[in-house]
């Protein structure tokens, strides 16, 4: 009997020691900054696509981990996010978009990106001292729409900076852009709102050839409970199919998240290409997308 008690006490001691060690290590590492030289972690973060992650049922263990450390096992990226203060800002992005927004009056289209670090391959575009991310894609789409007389603004605030300044986690990105969208809706009436993303799947899934040129394919992500948003996605998707067959991957229906589509009837989450697409392929798609949006808004 005494031997059994000793074994139980030893187990409790080891468990407490391991728990304390874990908390100490986590505390010591929590303010480590991740820069672009950490290619493996950087790629994991860039490739994260939390709105398409398969759902995993919660259990006692995952609940415990989530409680003590705000880590969600169904979102593995939150483990990295908790340990590394990941931030990749660009003042050039903020200044450029601010200038663009200032010259637009009565905007009809608003573009933002919940995951602004999602990136593409290829050399930087001449004339733009910006990385090949969805932020650059947003700026290019904005310019194209403005040239067509469709007033377009992009979100001038930096999601990553807001996350850091407000002690939030990467998996709370949609809460940040929810606030951004609410602020804009208090001041504008948009005809179309786009949350621009980049997917993370095989290139043959996100690429198509039209007239001997490679394009980055488009996909819409919708919560089917918001029927007017889905109807709008179908409208734009049909236009794309008619004008540029094979360019669209269709509409991905997701029940679990709302992607801020509950805030307005014209919010679309749009996946533009994937992590293996080159920026040149994305540019071709932006031209086609702007053409389709022009027809949609007529």
Protein backbone atom coordinates (compact mmCIF):
# COMPACT_ATOMS: atom_id res chain seq x y z
CA UNK A 1 0.00 0.00 0.00
CA UNK A 2 2.84 2.35 0.91
CA UNK A 3 4.61 1.53 -2.36
CA UNK A 4 1.48 2.46 -4.33
CA UNK A 5 1.21 5.78 -2.50
CA UNK A 6 4.85 6.54 -3.25
CA UNK A 7 4.28 5.84 -6.92
CA UNK A 8 1.27 8.17 -6.94
CA UNK A 9 3.27 10.91 -5.21
CA UNK A 10 6.13 10.49 -7.69
CA UNK A 11 3.72 10.76 -10.60
CA UNK A 12 2.19 13.97 -9.17
CA UNK A 13 5.68 15.44 -8.58
CA UNK A 14 6.78 14.69 -12.13
CA UNK A 15 3.55 16.08 -13.55
CA UNK A 16 3.85 19.32 -11.55
CA UNK A 17 7.52 19.64 -12.50
CA UNK A 18 6.73 19.19 -16.20
CA UNK A 19 3.86 21.69 -16.03
CA UNK A 20 5.98 24.32 -14.27
CA UNK A 21 8.85 23.77 -16.72
CA UNK A 22 6.45 24.19 -19.66
CA UNK A 23 5.04 27.44 -18.27
CA UNK A 24 8.52 28.83 -17.54
CA UNK A 25 9.81 28.04 -21.04
CA UNK A 26 6.68 29.49 -22.60
CA UNK A 27 7.07 32.69 -20.54
CA UNK A 28 10.73 33.06 -21.52
CA UNK A 29 10.00 32.55 -25.22
CA UNK A 30 6.83 34.58 -25.53
CA UNK A 31 8.54 37.82 -26.64
CA UNK A 32 10.89 36.26 -29.20
CA UNK A 33 10.49 38.03 -32.51
CA UNK A 34 10.46 36.10 -35.75
CA UNK A 35 12.13 37.66 -38.76
CA UNK A 36 12.13 36.68 -42.39
CA UNK A 37 15.33 34.62 -41.99
CA UNK A 38 13.42 31.89 -40.16
CA UNK A 39 12.29 30.29 -43.41
CA UNK A 40 10.61 27.17 -42.01
CA UNK A 41 8.43 28.95 -39.45
CA UNK A 42 7.88 31.80 -41.86
CA UNK A 43 6.58 29.42 -44.51
CA UNK A 44 4.31 27.69 -42.00
CA UNK A 45 2.79 31.01 -41.04
CA UNK A 46 2.45 32.12 -44.66
CA UNK A 47 0.81 28.85 -45.61
CA UNK A 48 -1.66 28.92 -42.75
CA UNK A 49 -5.24 29.13 -43.92
CA UNK A 50 -7.28 28.80 -40.77
CA UNK A 51 -10.70 29.18 -42.38
CA UNK A 52 -10.15 25.96 -44.35
CA UNK A 53 -8.70 23.86 -41.50
CA UNK A 54 -10.66 20.69 -40.74
CA UNK A 55 -12.59 20.92 -37.52
CA UNK A 56 -11.52 18.72 -34.61
CA UNK A 57 -13.89 17.95 -31.78
CA UNK A 58 -12.95 19.50 -28.46
CA UNK A 59 -12.05 17.15 -25.65
CA UNK A 60 -10.84 17.44 -22.06
CA UNK A 61 -7.17 17.62 -23.07
CA UNK A 62 -7.65 20.27 -25.77
CA UNK A 63 -9.83 22.27 -23.38
CA UNK A 64 -7.10 22.16 -20.75
CA UNK A 65 -4.42 23.30 -23.20
CA UNK A 66 -6.64 26.06 -24.50
CA UNK A 67 -7.42 27.23 -20.97
CA UNK A 68 -3.85 27.49 -19.70
CA UNK A 69 -2.21 28.77 -22.84
CA UNK A 70 -4.81 29.97 -25.36
CA UNK A 71 -3.66 27.29 -27.79
CA UNK A 72 -6.30 25.69 -30.00
CA UNK A 73 -5.36 22.21 -31.15
CA UNK A 74 -7.77 22.45 -34.09
CA UNK A 75 -5.73 25.48 -35.23
CA UNK A 76 -2.07 24.32 -35.03
CA UNK A 77 -0.88 27.71 -36.20
CA UNK A 78 -1.88 29.11 -32.79
CA UNK A 79 0.97 27.10 -31.22
CA UNK A 80 3.50 28.99 -33.32
CA UNK A 81 1.63 32.23 -32.79
CA UNK A 82 1.78 31.85 -29.02
CA UNK A 83 5.52 31.24 -28.94
CA UNK A 84 6.64 33.75 -31.57
CA UNK A 85 5.58 37.39 -31.73
CA UNK A 86 5.27 37.26 -35.51
CA UNK A 87 5.15 40.64 -37.13
CA UNK A 88 5.95 41.72 -40.65
CA UNK A 89 5.03 45.32 -41.17
CA UNK A 90 5.69 47.68 -44.04
CA UNK A 91 5.30 51.41 -43.64
CA UNK A 92 5.38 51.63 -47.43
CA UNK A 93 2.16 49.62 -47.61
CA UNK A 94 0.41 51.94 -45.18
CA UNK A 95 1.66 55.13 -46.85
CA UNK A 96 0.84 53.92 -50.36
CA UNK A 97 -2.68 52.81 -49.50
CA UNK A 98 -3.32 56.02 -47.55
CA UNK A 99 -2.43 58.10 -50.61
CA UNK A 100 -4.63 55.94 -52.81
CA UNK A 101 -7.58 56.20 -50.44
CA UNK A 102 -7.28 59.96 -50.28
CA UNK A 103 -7.91 60.38 -53.99
CA UNK A 104 -11.07 58.26 -53.95
CA UNK A 105 -14.42 59.86 -53.18
CA UNK A 106 -17.62 57.89 -52.65
CA UNK A 107 -15.91 54.49 -52.91
CA UNK A 108 -18.00 51.57 -54.15
CA UNK A 109 -15.52 48.80 -53.30
CA UNK A 110 -13.57 48.13 -50.10
CA UNK A 111 -10.72 45.59 -50.00
CA UNK A 112 -9.00 44.25 -46.90
CA UNK A 113 -6.98 41.16 -46.00
CA UNK A 114 -7.44 39.24 -42.76
CA UNK A 115 -4.15 37.40 -43.36
CA UNK A 116 -1.94 40.10 -44.94
CA UNK A 117 1.28 38.05 -45.00
CA UNK A 118 -0.04 35.41 -47.40
CA UNK A 119 2.47 35.61 -50.23
CA UNK A 120 3.22 34.63 -53.82
CA UNK A 121 6.35 33.56 -55.67
CA UNK A 122 8.39 35.59 -58.16
CA UNK A 123 10.46 38.73 -58.33
CA UNK A 124 9.14 42.01 -56.96
CA UNK A 125 7.17 44.08 -59.44
CA UNK A 126 9.01 47.10 -60.78
CA UNK A 127 7.65 50.33 -59.39
CA UNK A 128 6.37 48.71 -56.18
CA UNK A 129 8.78 48.40 -53.27
CA UNK A 130 6.52 45.80 -51.69
CA UNK A 131 6.67 42.07 -51.06
CA UNK A 132 4.49 39.84 -53.24
CA UNK A 133 1.67 39.46 -50.72
CA UNK A 134 -2.10 39.80 -50.86
CA UNK A 135 -1.58 43.44 -49.84
CA UNK A 136 0.19 44.10 -53.12
CA UNK A 137 -2.56 42.16 -54.93
CA UNK A 138 -5.13 44.40 -53.19
CA UNK A 139 -3.32 47.54 -54.34
CA UNK A 140 -3.12 46.26 -57.92
CA UNK A 141 -6.83 45.39 -57.93
CA UNK A 142 -7.63 48.78 -56.42
CA UNK A 143 -5.69 50.58 -59.16
CA UNK A 144 -7.36 48.52 -61.87
CA UNK A 145 -10.86 49.22 -60.54
CA UNK A 146 -10.16 52.92 -60.04
CA UNK A 147 -8.97 53.11 -63.67
CA UNK A 148 -12.38 51.73 -64.68
CA UNK A 149 -14.14 54.48 -62.74
CA UNK A 150 -15.08 52.18 -59.84
CA UNK A 151 -13.96 54.02 -56.73
CA UNK A 152 -12.06 51.54 -54.53
CA UNK A 153 -10.28 51.85 -51.21
CA UNK A 154 -8.15 49.35 -49.32
CA UNK A 155 -7.68 49.02 -45.57
CA UNK A 156 -4.87 51.34 -44.52
CA UNK A 157 -4.38 49.81 -41.07
CA UNK A 158 -1.94 46.96 -40.47
CA UNK A 159 -3.56 43.81 -39.06
CA UNK A 160 -0.30 42.49 -37.57
CA UNK A 161 0.45 45.76 -35.81
CA UNK A 162 -3.06 45.86 -34.36
CA UNK A 163 -2.65 42.29 -33.11
CA UNK A 164 0.60 43.15 -31.38
CA UNK A 165 -0.56 46.49 -29.94
CA UNK A 166 -3.69 44.89 -28.46
CA UNK A 167 -2.04 41.71 -27.17
CA UNK A 168 -4.05 39.46 -29.47
CA UNK A 169 -3.15 36.21 -31.25
CA UNK A 170 -2.88 35.37 -34.93
CA UNK A 171 -5.99 33.21 -34.69
CA UNK A 172 -7.92 36.36 -33.69
CA UNK A 173 -7.22 38.04 -37.05
CA UNK A 174 -10.88 37.96 -38.04
CA UNK A 175 -11.74 39.90 -34.89
CA UNK A 176 -9.33 42.61 -36.01
CA UNK A 177 -10.72 42.90 -39.53
CA UNK A 178 -14.21 42.77 -38.08
CA UNK A 179 -13.44 46.02 -36.28
CA UNK A 180 -11.89 47.48 -39.43
CA UNK A 181 -14.97 46.57 -41.45
CA UNK A 182 -17.36 47.94 -38.82
CA UNK A 183 -15.47 51.25 -38.81
CA UNK A 184 -15.70 51.50 -42.59
CA UNK A 185 -19.39 50.62 -42.64
CA UNK A 186 -20.06 53.51 -40.25
CA UNK A 187 -18.77 55.91 -42.90
CA UNK A 188 -19.46 54.34 -46.28
CA UNK A 189 -22.08 52.41 -48.23
CA UNK A 190 -20.19 49.93 -50.39
CA UNK A 191 -21.49 47.94 -53.33
CA UNK A 192 -18.85 45.26 -52.81
CA UNK A 193 -16.54 44.26 -49.95
CA UNK A 194 -13.67 41.81 -50.53
CA UNK A 195 -11.57 40.01 -47.95
CA UNK A 196 -8.65 39.02 -50.18
CA UNK A 197 -6.76 35.81 -49.35
CA UNK A 198 -4.36 33.38 -50.97
CA UNK A 199 -4.89 29.63 -50.71
CA UNK A 200 -2.28 27.04 -49.70
CA UNK A 201 -2.75 23.94 -51.85
CA UNK A 202 -1.04 22.25 -54.81
CA UNK A 203 -0.34 24.48 -57.82
CA UNK A 204 -2.36 22.36 -60.24
CA UNK A 205 -5.42 23.20 -58.11
CA UNK A 206 -4.84 26.97 -58.16
CA UNK A 207 -3.61 27.41 -61.73
CA UNK A 208 -5.28 27.36 -65.13
CA UNK A 209 -4.21 28.18 -68.69
CA UNK A 210 -6.26 30.61 -70.77
CA UNK A 211 -5.08 31.62 -74.26
CA UNK A 212 -1.68 30.06 -73.57
CA UNK A 213 -1.17 32.12 -70.41
CA UNK A 214 -1.14 30.80 -66.83
CA UNK A 215 -3.63 32.40 -64.44
CA UNK A 216 -4.02 32.05 -60.68
CA UNK A 217 -7.46 30.58 -60.07
CA UNK A 218 -10.14 32.18 -57.89
CA UNK A 219 -12.30 30.59 -55.21
CA UNK A 220 -15.05 32.06 -53.03
CA UNK A 221 -15.49 31.01 -49.40
CA UNK A 222 -18.98 31.51 -47.97
CA UNK A 223 -21.05 30.60 -44.96
CA UNK A 224 -24.24 29.29 -46.57
CA UNK A 225 -26.33 30.75 -43.75
CA UNK A 226 -25.80 34.22 -45.23
CA UNK A 227 -27.85 33.74 -48.36
CA UNK A 228 -27.45 37.20 -49.89
CA UNK A 229 -23.67 36.96 -49.66
CA UNK A 230 -23.82 33.54 -51.31
CA UNK A 231 -26.08 34.92 -54.03
CA UNK A 232 -23.61 37.73 -54.72
CA UNK A 233 -20.73 35.23 -54.85
CA UNK A 234 -22.73 33.17 -57.34
CA UNK A 235 -23.37 36.24 -59.49
CA UNK A 236 -19.69 37.14 -59.69
CA UNK A 237 -18.71 33.50 -60.11
CA UNK A 238 -21.11 33.13 -63.08
CA UNK A 239 -19.70 36.23 -64.75
CA UNK A 240 -16.17 34.88 -64.33
CA UNK A 241 -17.20 31.50 -65.75
CA UNK A 242 -18.79 33.14 -68.79
CA UNK A 243 -15.91 35.50 -69.53
CA UNK A 244 -12.97 33.37 -68.37
CA UNK A 245 -13.86 29.65 -68.31
CA UNK A 246 -11.80 27.54 -65.84
CA UNK A 247 -10.60 30.62 -63.95
CA UNK A 248 -12.91 29.99 -60.99
CA UNK A 249 -12.70 27.04 -58.61
CA UNK A 250 -16.26 27.76 -57.55
CA UNK A 251 -17.73 28.41 -54.13
CA UNK A 252 -16.52 26.66 -51.01
CA UNK A 253 -19.33 26.43 -48.46
CA UNK A 254 -18.25 26.61 -44.84
CA UNK A 255 -20.77 26.45 -42.01
CA UNK A 256 -18.59 26.99 -38.97
CA UNK A 257 -17.24 30.54 -39.43
CA UNK A 258 -19.02 33.64 -40.64
CA UNK A 259 -15.93 35.47 -41.99
CA UNK A 260 -17.62 38.76 -40.99
CA UNK A 261 -20.30 38.09 -43.61
CA UNK A 262 -22.93 38.75 -40.96
CA UNK A 263 -22.03 42.46 -40.99
CA UNK A 264 -23.23 43.18 -44.54
CA UNK A 265 -24.93 41.45 -47.47
CA UNK A 266 -22.08 42.11 -49.90
CA UNK A 267 -18.99 40.72 -48.09
CA UNK A 268 -17.03 38.16 -50.13
CA UNK A 269 -14.03 36.14 -49.02
CA UNK A 270 -12.00 35.59 -52.16
CA UNK A 271 -9.06 33.19 -52.50
CA UNK A 272 -6.77 34.55 -55.21
CA UNK A 273 -4.31 31.87 -56.29
CA UNK A 274 -2.13 29.82 -53.97
CA UNK A 275 1.30 29.78 -52.37
CA UNK A 276 2.84 28.21 -55.51
CA UNK A 277 1.48 30.83 -57.89
CA UNK A 278 3.78 33.50 -59.29
CA UNK A 279 2.87 37.15 -58.96
CA UNK A 280 2.70 37.39 -62.78
CA UNK A 281 -0.09 34.79 -62.78
CA UNK A 282 -1.88 36.76 -60.08
CA UNK A 283 -1.65 39.98 -62.11
CA UNK A 284 -3.36 38.34 -65.08
CA UNK A 285 -6.16 37.17 -62.79
CA UNK A 286 -6.51 40.65 -61.28
CA UNK A 287 -7.16 42.04 -64.77
CA UNK A 288 -9.84 39.39 -65.33
CA UNK A 289 -11.35 39.89 -61.87
CA UNK A 290 -11.57 43.66 -62.32
CA UNK A 291 -13.31 43.07 -65.66
CA UNK A 292 -15.85 40.77 -63.97
CA UNK A 293 -16.44 43.17 -61.08
CA UNK A 294 -17.08 45.97 -63.56
CA UNK A 295 -19.82 43.90 -65.17
CA UNK A 296 -21.23 42.91 -61.77
CA UNK A 297 -21.55 46.52 -60.62
CA UNK A 298 -23.24 47.74 -63.81
